[in-house]
Amino acid sequence: MSLDWSLIPAALVPFMILFIRVCNLSLSTLRVLTVVRGRKRAAWALGFVQSLIFITVIAGVINNLDNLWNLAAYAAGFATGNVLGIIIDDRIAPGYSLLRITSSSHGAAIMEALHQAGKGATEVTGSGRDGTVSLIYCYSPRRKVRKIKELVLQHDPQAFMTLLQVRQIGGGWEG
């Protein structure tokens, strides 16, 4: 995968560097997220393609260090690629999340709404600053978390929620 940068008109080189660097960093961000989720094969494949792209773009920058536009395109591609990788990950949303919900007075209503929506949830009674609270644990595919959060807030606008990424689940009821 070699690119002869001398064949590209000098005015287009910064745009090529920007485009390739955005692709490279988007893949890099996705690769890191797959590593965190323990997806070995996907991480390997993304790392392989990412490294090929990186070598291609760095060659273009090194061969043209006298052009500040190339350096700016490289930096802009880095920054943009990070953000684009996160956006792509949010859209495809692989994996599962654990939503932890704390409600001081609407735990039963939240549980009922989650169960009616076909979601598995577990409620535990706890003690907070102002007395008894409901702690609700709900596992969900990541792409469905936003709807669950909206459902919870409909029943308790004051609910406190935290979201954890889950690497592996097994057993229990999946809804």
Protein backbone atom coordinates (compact mmCIF):
# COMPACT_ATOMS: atom_id res chain seq x y z
CA MET A 1 0.00 0.00 0.00
CA SER A 2 2.37 2.65 -1.25
CA LEU A 3 1.34 6.06 -2.47
CA ASP A 4 3.62 8.08 -4.73
CA TRP A 5 3.07 11.56 -3.31
CA SER A 6 5.00 13.18 -6.17
CA LEU A 7 2.17 12.25 -8.57
CA ILE A 8 -0.35 14.27 -6.57
CA PRO A 9 -0.58 18.01 -7.33
CA ALA A 10 0.99 19.94 -4.44
CA ALA A 11 -2.26 21.83 -3.76
CA LEU A 12 -4.11 18.54 -3.16
CA VAL A 13 -1.54 16.96 -0.84
CA PRO A 14 -2.84 18.69 2.34
CA PHE A 15 -6.38 17.52 1.55
CA MET A 16 -5.16 13.98 0.96
CA ILE A 17 -3.24 14.06 4.24
CA LEU A 18 -6.29 15.41 6.07
CA PHE A 19 -8.61 12.76 4.59
CA ILE A 20 -6.25 9.85 5.20
CA ARG A 21 -5.44 11.02 8.74
CA VAL A 22 -9.15 11.35 9.60
CA CYS A 23 -9.68 7.75 8.39
CA ASN A 24 -6.61 6.60 10.35
CA LEU A 25 -7.64 8.21 13.63
CA SER A 26 -11.26 7.14 13.29
CA LEU A 27 -10.03 3.55 12.98
CA SER A 28 -7.66 4.11 15.89
CA THR A 29 -10.48 5.30 18.13
CA LEU A 30 -12.65 2.35 17.15
CA ARG A 31 -9.70 0.00 17.74
CA VAL A 32 -9.14 1.32 21.26
CA LEU A 33 -12.83 0.91 22.03
CA THR A 34 -12.78 -2.68 20.74
CA VAL A 35 -9.74 -3.41 22.92
CA VAL A 36 -11.58 -2.03 25.97
CA ARG A 37 -14.52 -4.29 25.15
CA GLY A 38 -12.23 -7.31 24.75
CA ARG A 39 -13.00 -7.87 21.04
CA LYS A 40 -9.64 -9.34 20.00
CA ARG A 41 -10.25 -10.11 16.33
CA ALA A 42 -11.81 -6.74 15.59
CA ALA A 43 -8.97 -4.97 17.44
CA TRP A 44 -6.38 -6.90 15.42
CA ALA A 45 -8.05 -6.16 12.07
CA LEU A 46 -8.53 -2.48 12.86
CA GLY A 47 -4.94 -2.20 14.12
CA PHE A 48 -3.58 -3.80 10.94
CA VAL A 49 -5.49 -1.48 8.60
CA GLN A 50 -4.79 1.53 10.80
CA SER A 51 -1.03 0.93 10.75
CA LEU A 52 -1.02 0.65 6.93
CA ILE A 53 -2.87 3.93 6.64
CA PHE A 54 -0.58 5.59 9.20
CA ILE A 55 2.56 4.66 7.27
CA THR A 56 1.02 6.05 4.09
CA VAL A 57 0.07 9.41 5.60
CA ILE A 58 3.27 9.88 7.60
CA ALA A 59 5.29 9.33 4.41
CA GLY A 60 3.37 12.17 2.78
CA VAL A 61 4.06 14.50 5.68
CA ILE A 62 7.74 13.61 6.02
CA ASN A 63 8.36 13.99 2.29
CA ASN A 64 6.75 17.43 2.37
CA LEU A 65 7.84 18.96 5.69
CA ASP A 66 8.48 22.33 4.08
CA ASN A 67 4.75 22.84 3.49
CA LEU A 68 2.97 24.13 6.62
CA TRP A 69 -0.40 23.21 5.10
CA ASN A 70 0.63 19.54 5.19
CA LEU A 71 1.50 19.80 8.87
CA ALA A 72 -1.77 21.61 9.63
CA ALA A 73 -3.71 18.97 7.66
CA TYR A 74 -2.00 16.22 9.66
CA ALA A 75 -2.92 17.85 12.98
CA ALA A 76 -6.49 18.64 11.86
CA GLY A 77 -6.89 15.05 10.65
CA PHE A 78 -5.75 13.78 14.04
CA ALA A 79 -8.25 15.93 15.95
CA THR A 80 -11.13 15.30 13.54
CA GLY A 81 -10.46 11.56 13.40
CA ASN A 82 -10.75 11.22 17.17
CA VAL A 83 -14.16 12.89 17.19
CA LEU A 84 -15.39 11.00 14.13
CA GLY A 85 -14.33 7.68 15.68
CA ILE A 86 -16.40 8.44 18.77
CA ILE A 87 -19.40 9.43 16.63
CA ILE A 88 -19.14 6.19 14.63
CA ASP A 89 -18.89 4.16 17.83
CA ASP A 90 -21.97 5.89 19.23
CA ARG A 91 -23.91 5.12 16.05
CA ILE A 92 -23.02 1.42 15.82
CA ALA A 93 -23.04 1.10 19.63
CA PRO A 94 -21.80 -2.48 20.04
CA GLY A 95 -21.88 -4.19 23.40
CA TYR A 96 -23.85 -3.81 26.60
CA SER A 97 -24.20 -1.20 29.30
CA LEU A 98 -25.30 -1.28 32.90
CA LEU A 99 -27.56 1.58 33.85
CA ARG A 100 -27.62 2.24 37.61
CA ILE A 101 -30.65 4.26 38.61
CA THR A 102 -31.18 5.82 42.04
CA SER A 103 -34.65 7.12 42.87
CA SER A 104 -35.76 8.45 46.22
CA SER A 105 -39.50 8.04 45.66
CA HIS A 106 -40.40 6.49 42.30
CA GLY A 107 -38.53 3.18 42.27
CA ALA A 108 -41.66 1.03 41.95
CA ALA A 109 -42.97 3.12 39.03
CA ILE A 110 -39.63 2.94 37.25
CA MET A 111 -39.45 -0.84 37.75
CA GLU A 112 -42.98 -1.26 36.41
CA ALA A 113 -42.21 0.88 33.35
CA LEU A 114 -38.98 -1.01 32.64
CA HIS A 115 -40.72 -4.38 32.92
CA GLN A 116 -43.60 -3.20 30.70
CA ALA A 117 -41.01 -2.11 28.14
CA GLY A 118 -39.60 -5.65 28.20
CA LYS A 119 -36.45 -4.74 30.10
CA GLY A 120 -34.96 -6.82 32.84
CA ALA A 121 -34.22 -4.81 35.96
CA THR A 122 -33.38 -5.50 39.57
CA GLU A 123 -34.33 -3.22 42.45
CA VAL A 124 -32.38 -3.03 45.70
CA THR A 125 -33.33 -0.87 48.67
CA GLY A 126 -30.66 1.45 49.94
CA SER A 127 -30.17 4.29 52.33
CA GLY A 128 -29.34 7.79 51.13
CA ARG A 129 -28.87 11.20 52.72
CA ASP A 130 -32.61 11.80 52.93
CA GLY A 131 -33.72 8.25 53.74
CA THR A 132 -34.61 5.14 51.78
CA VAL A 133 -33.85 5.00 48.05
CA SER A 134 -34.38 2.48 45.28
CA LEU A 135 -31.28 1.32 43.46
CA ILE A 136 -32.23 -0.17 40.10
CA TYR A 137 -29.83 -2.09 37.88
CA CYS A 138 -30.74 -2.52 34.24
CA TYR A 139 -28.51 -4.19 31.63
CA SER A 140 -29.16 -3.20 28.05
CA PRO A 141 -27.60 -3.19 24.60
CA ARG A 142 -25.79 0.15 24.28
CA ARG A 143 -27.95 1.30 21.38
CA LYS A 144 -31.07 1.12 23.61
CA VAL A 145 -29.70 3.05 26.61
CA ARG A 146 -30.97 6.46 25.47
CA LYS A 147 -34.58 5.21 25.36
CA ILE A 148 -34.24 3.64 28.80
CA LYS A 149 -32.91 6.89 30.24
CA GLU A 150 -35.84 8.79 28.70
CA LEU A 151 -38.28 6.25 30.16
CA VAL A 152 -36.76 6.60 33.64
CA LEU A 153 -36.86 10.40 33.50
CA GLN A 154 -40.55 10.31 32.53
CA HIS A 155 -41.27 8.58 35.85
CA ASP A 156 -38.72 10.43 37.98
CA PRO A 157 -37.11 13.59 36.59
CA GLN A 158 -34.89 13.68 39.70
CA ALA A 159 -33.51 10.17 39.21
CA PHE A 160 -29.74 9.87 39.42
CA MET A 161 -28.23 7.61 36.77
CA THR A 162 -24.78 6.26 36.04
CA LEU A 163 -23.77 4.26 33.02
CA LEU A 164 -21.10 1.56 32.93
CA GLN A 165 -19.78 -0.30 29.92
CA VAL A 166 -20.02 -4.07 30.37
CA ARG A 167 -17.44 -6.36 28.78
CA GLN A 168 -19.29 -9.61 29.29
CA ILE A 169 -22.69 -10.80 30.45
CA GLY A 170 -24.02 -14.26 31.09
CA GLY A 171 -27.07 -15.85 32.60
CA GLY A 172 -30.09 -14.05 33.91
CA TRP A 173 -32.85 -12.53 31.88
CA GLU A 174 -32.06 -10.43 28.84
CA GLY A 175 -34.69 -8.02 27.62
